[in-house]
């Protein structure tokens, strides 16, 4: 059953998916742009956290919130440590 697929939610889900794929490609390429991969993942996690909230999916919210924290640690370590 499709729930609450407003244009904003649909955009968040698709942009979150694209950002997640981009992050994986940047990290897997291992060509010195890993930090940008973490930024893409953080964007993805943020968008999917919103999507989980909009769809009332606590498990998705928790998963993506934890991923966002991990992404922020990765960004911090890559750019500032």
C-alpha atoms as a PDB file:
ATOM      1  CA  UNK A   1       0.000   0.000   0.000  1.00  0.00           C
ATOM      2  CA  UNK A   2       1.367   3.428  -0.893  1.00  0.00           C
ATOM      3  CA  UNK A   3       1.060   5.885   1.917  1.00  0.00           C
ATOM      4  CA  UNK A   4       1.336   9.624   1.858  1.00  0.00           C
ATOM      5  CA  UNK A   5       3.211   9.892  -1.457  1.00  0.00           C
ATOM      6  CA  UNK A   6       3.108  13.677  -1.722  1.00  0.00           C
ATOM      7  CA  UNK A   7       5.372  15.330  -4.299  1.00  0.00           C
ATOM      8  CA  UNK A   8       7.738  16.416  -1.487  1.00  0.00           C
ATOM      9  CA  UNK A   9       7.960  12.905  -0.066  1.00  0.00           C
ATOM     10  CA  UNK A  10       8.454  11.386  -3.502  1.00  0.00           C
ATOM     11  CA  UNK A  11      11.245  13.869  -4.257  1.00  0.00           C
ATOM     12  CA  UNK A  12      12.913  13.193  -0.886  1.00  0.00           C
ATOM     13  CA  UNK A  13      12.854   9.447  -1.507  1.00  0.00           C
ATOM     14  CA  UNK A  14      14.324   9.693  -4.990  1.00  0.00           C
ATOM     15  CA  UNK A  15      16.938  12.310  -4.085  1.00  0.00           C
ATOM     16  CA  UNK A  16      17.837  10.252  -1.017  1.00  0.00           C
ATOM     17  CA  UNK A  17      18.288   7.195  -3.202  1.00  0.00           C
ATOM     18  CA  UNK A  18      20.464   9.031  -5.737  1.00  0.00           C
ATOM     19  CA  UNK A  19      22.584  10.603  -2.981  1.00  0.00           C
ATOM     20  CA  UNK A  20      23.039   7.195  -1.327  1.00  0.00           C
ATOM     21  CA  UNK A  21      24.209   5.629  -4.585  1.00  0.00           C
ATOM     22  CA  UNK A  22      26.536   8.564  -5.269  1.00  0.00           C
ATOM     23  CA  UNK A  23      28.031   8.242  -1.777  1.00  0.00           C
ATOM     24  CA  UNK A  24      28.680   4.535  -2.291  1.00  0.00           C
ATOM     25  CA  UNK A  25      30.354   5.162  -5.656  1.00  0.00           C
ATOM     26  CA  UNK A  26      32.583   7.907  -4.232  1.00  0.00           C
ATOM     27  CA  UNK A  27      33.698   5.769  -1.285  1.00  0.00           C
ATOM     28  CA  UNK A  28      34.165   2.601  -3.360  1.00  0.00           C
ATOM     29  CA  UNK A  29      36.213   4.448  -6.004  1.00  0.00           C
ATOM     30  CA  UNK A  30      38.913   5.058  -3.369  1.00  0.00           C
ATOM     31  CA  UNK A  31      40.356   7.993  -5.300  1.00  0.00           C
ATOM     32  CA  UNK A  32      40.665  10.563  -2.519  1.00  0.00           C
ATOM     33  CA  UNK A  33      37.063  11.754  -2.424  1.00  0.00           C
ATOM     34  CA  UNK A  34      35.810   9.605   0.451  1.00  0.00           C
ATOM     35  CA  UNK A  35      34.841  12.707   2.449  1.00  0.00           C
ATOM     36  CA  UNK A  36      32.475  13.759  -0.318  1.00  0.00           C
ATOM     37  CA  UNK A  37      30.981  10.282  -0.206  1.00  0.00           C
ATOM     38  CA  UNK A  38      30.188  10.808   3.477  1.00  0.00           C
ATOM     39  CA  UNK A  39      28.555  14.132   2.617  1.00  0.00           C
ATOM     40  CA  UNK A  40      26.393  12.440  -0.031  1.00  0.00           C
ATOM     41  CA  UNK A  41      25.480   9.736   2.498  1.00  0.00           C
ATOM     42  CA  UNK A  42      24.584  12.393   5.089  1.00  0.00           C
ATOM     43  CA  UNK A  43      22.268  14.039   2.580  1.00  0.00           C
ATOM     44  CA  UNK A  44      20.747  10.651   1.779  1.00  0.00           C
ATOM     45  CA  UNK A  45      20.293   9.775   5.454  1.00  0.00           C
ATOM     46  CA  UNK A  46      18.694  13.156   6.160  1.00  0.00           C
ATOM     47  CA  UNK A  47      16.236  12.768   3.307  1.00  0.00           C
ATOM     48  CA  UNK A  48      15.378   9.193   4.268  1.00  0.00           C
ATOM     49  CA  UNK A  49      14.930  10.216   7.909  1.00  0.00           C
ATOM     50  CA  UNK A  50      12.392  12.771   6.715  1.00  0.00           C
ATOM     51  CA  UNK A  51      10.737  10.125   4.521  1.00  0.00           C
ATOM     52  CA  UNK A  52      10.516   7.752   7.482  1.00  0.00           C
ATOM     53  CA  UNK A  53       8.906  10.481   9.555  1.00  0.00           C
ATOM     54  CA  UNK A  54       6.443  11.350   6.784  1.00  0.00           C
ATOM     55  CA  UNK A  55       5.527   7.673   6.319  1.00  0.00           C
ATOM     56  CA  UNK A  56       5.398   7.022  10.083  1.00  0.00           C
ATOM     57  CA  UNK A  57       8.060   4.302   9.909  1.00  0.00           C
ATOM     58  CA  UNK A  58       9.972   4.303  13.230  1.00  0.00           C
ATOM     59  CA  UNK A  59      12.428   1.621  12.100  1.00  0.00           C
ATOM     60  CA  UNK A  60      13.418   3.675   9.027  1.00  0.00           C
ATOM     61  CA  UNK A  61      13.770   6.810  11.153  1.00  0.00           C
ATOM     62  CA  UNK A  62      16.037   5.022  13.646  1.00  0.00           C
ATOM     63  CA  UNK A  63      18.178   3.382  10.965  1.00  0.00           C
ATOM     64  CA  UNK A  64      18.707   6.574   8.989  1.00  0.00           C
ATOM     65  CA  UNK A  65      19.274   8.706  12.112  1.00  0.00           C
ATOM     66  CA  UNK A  66      22.042   6.319  13.200  1.00  0.00           C
ATOM     67  CA  UNK A  67      23.494   6.350   9.677  1.00  0.00           C
ATOM     68  CA  UNK A  68      23.416  10.166   9.774  1.00  0.00           C
ATOM     69  CA  UNK A  69      25.413  10.193  13.012  1.00  0.00           C
ATOM     70  CA  UNK A  70      27.947   7.786  11.479  1.00  0.00           C
ATOM     71  CA  UNK A  71      28.123   9.955   8.345  1.00  0.00           C
ATOM     72  CA  UNK A  72      28.778  13.055  10.449  1.00  0.00           C
ATOM     73  CA  UNK A  73      31.603  11.246  12.259  1.00  0.00           C
ATOM     74  CA  UNK A  74      33.034  10.287   8.854  1.00  0.00           C
ATOM     75  CA  UNK A  75      32.805  13.883   7.644  1.00  0.00           C
ATOM     76  CA  UNK A  76      34.474  15.134  10.819  1.00  0.00           C
ATOM     77  CA  UNK A  77      37.307  12.600  10.602  1.00  0.00           C
ATOM     78  CA  UNK A  78      37.888  13.078   6.874  1.00  0.00           C
ATOM     79  CA  UNK A  79      37.876  16.891   6.786  1.00  0.00           C
ATOM     80  CA  UNK A  80      38.891  17.993  10.297  1.00  0.00           C
ATOM     81  CA  UNK A  81      41.085  15.320  11.918  1.00  0.00           C
END
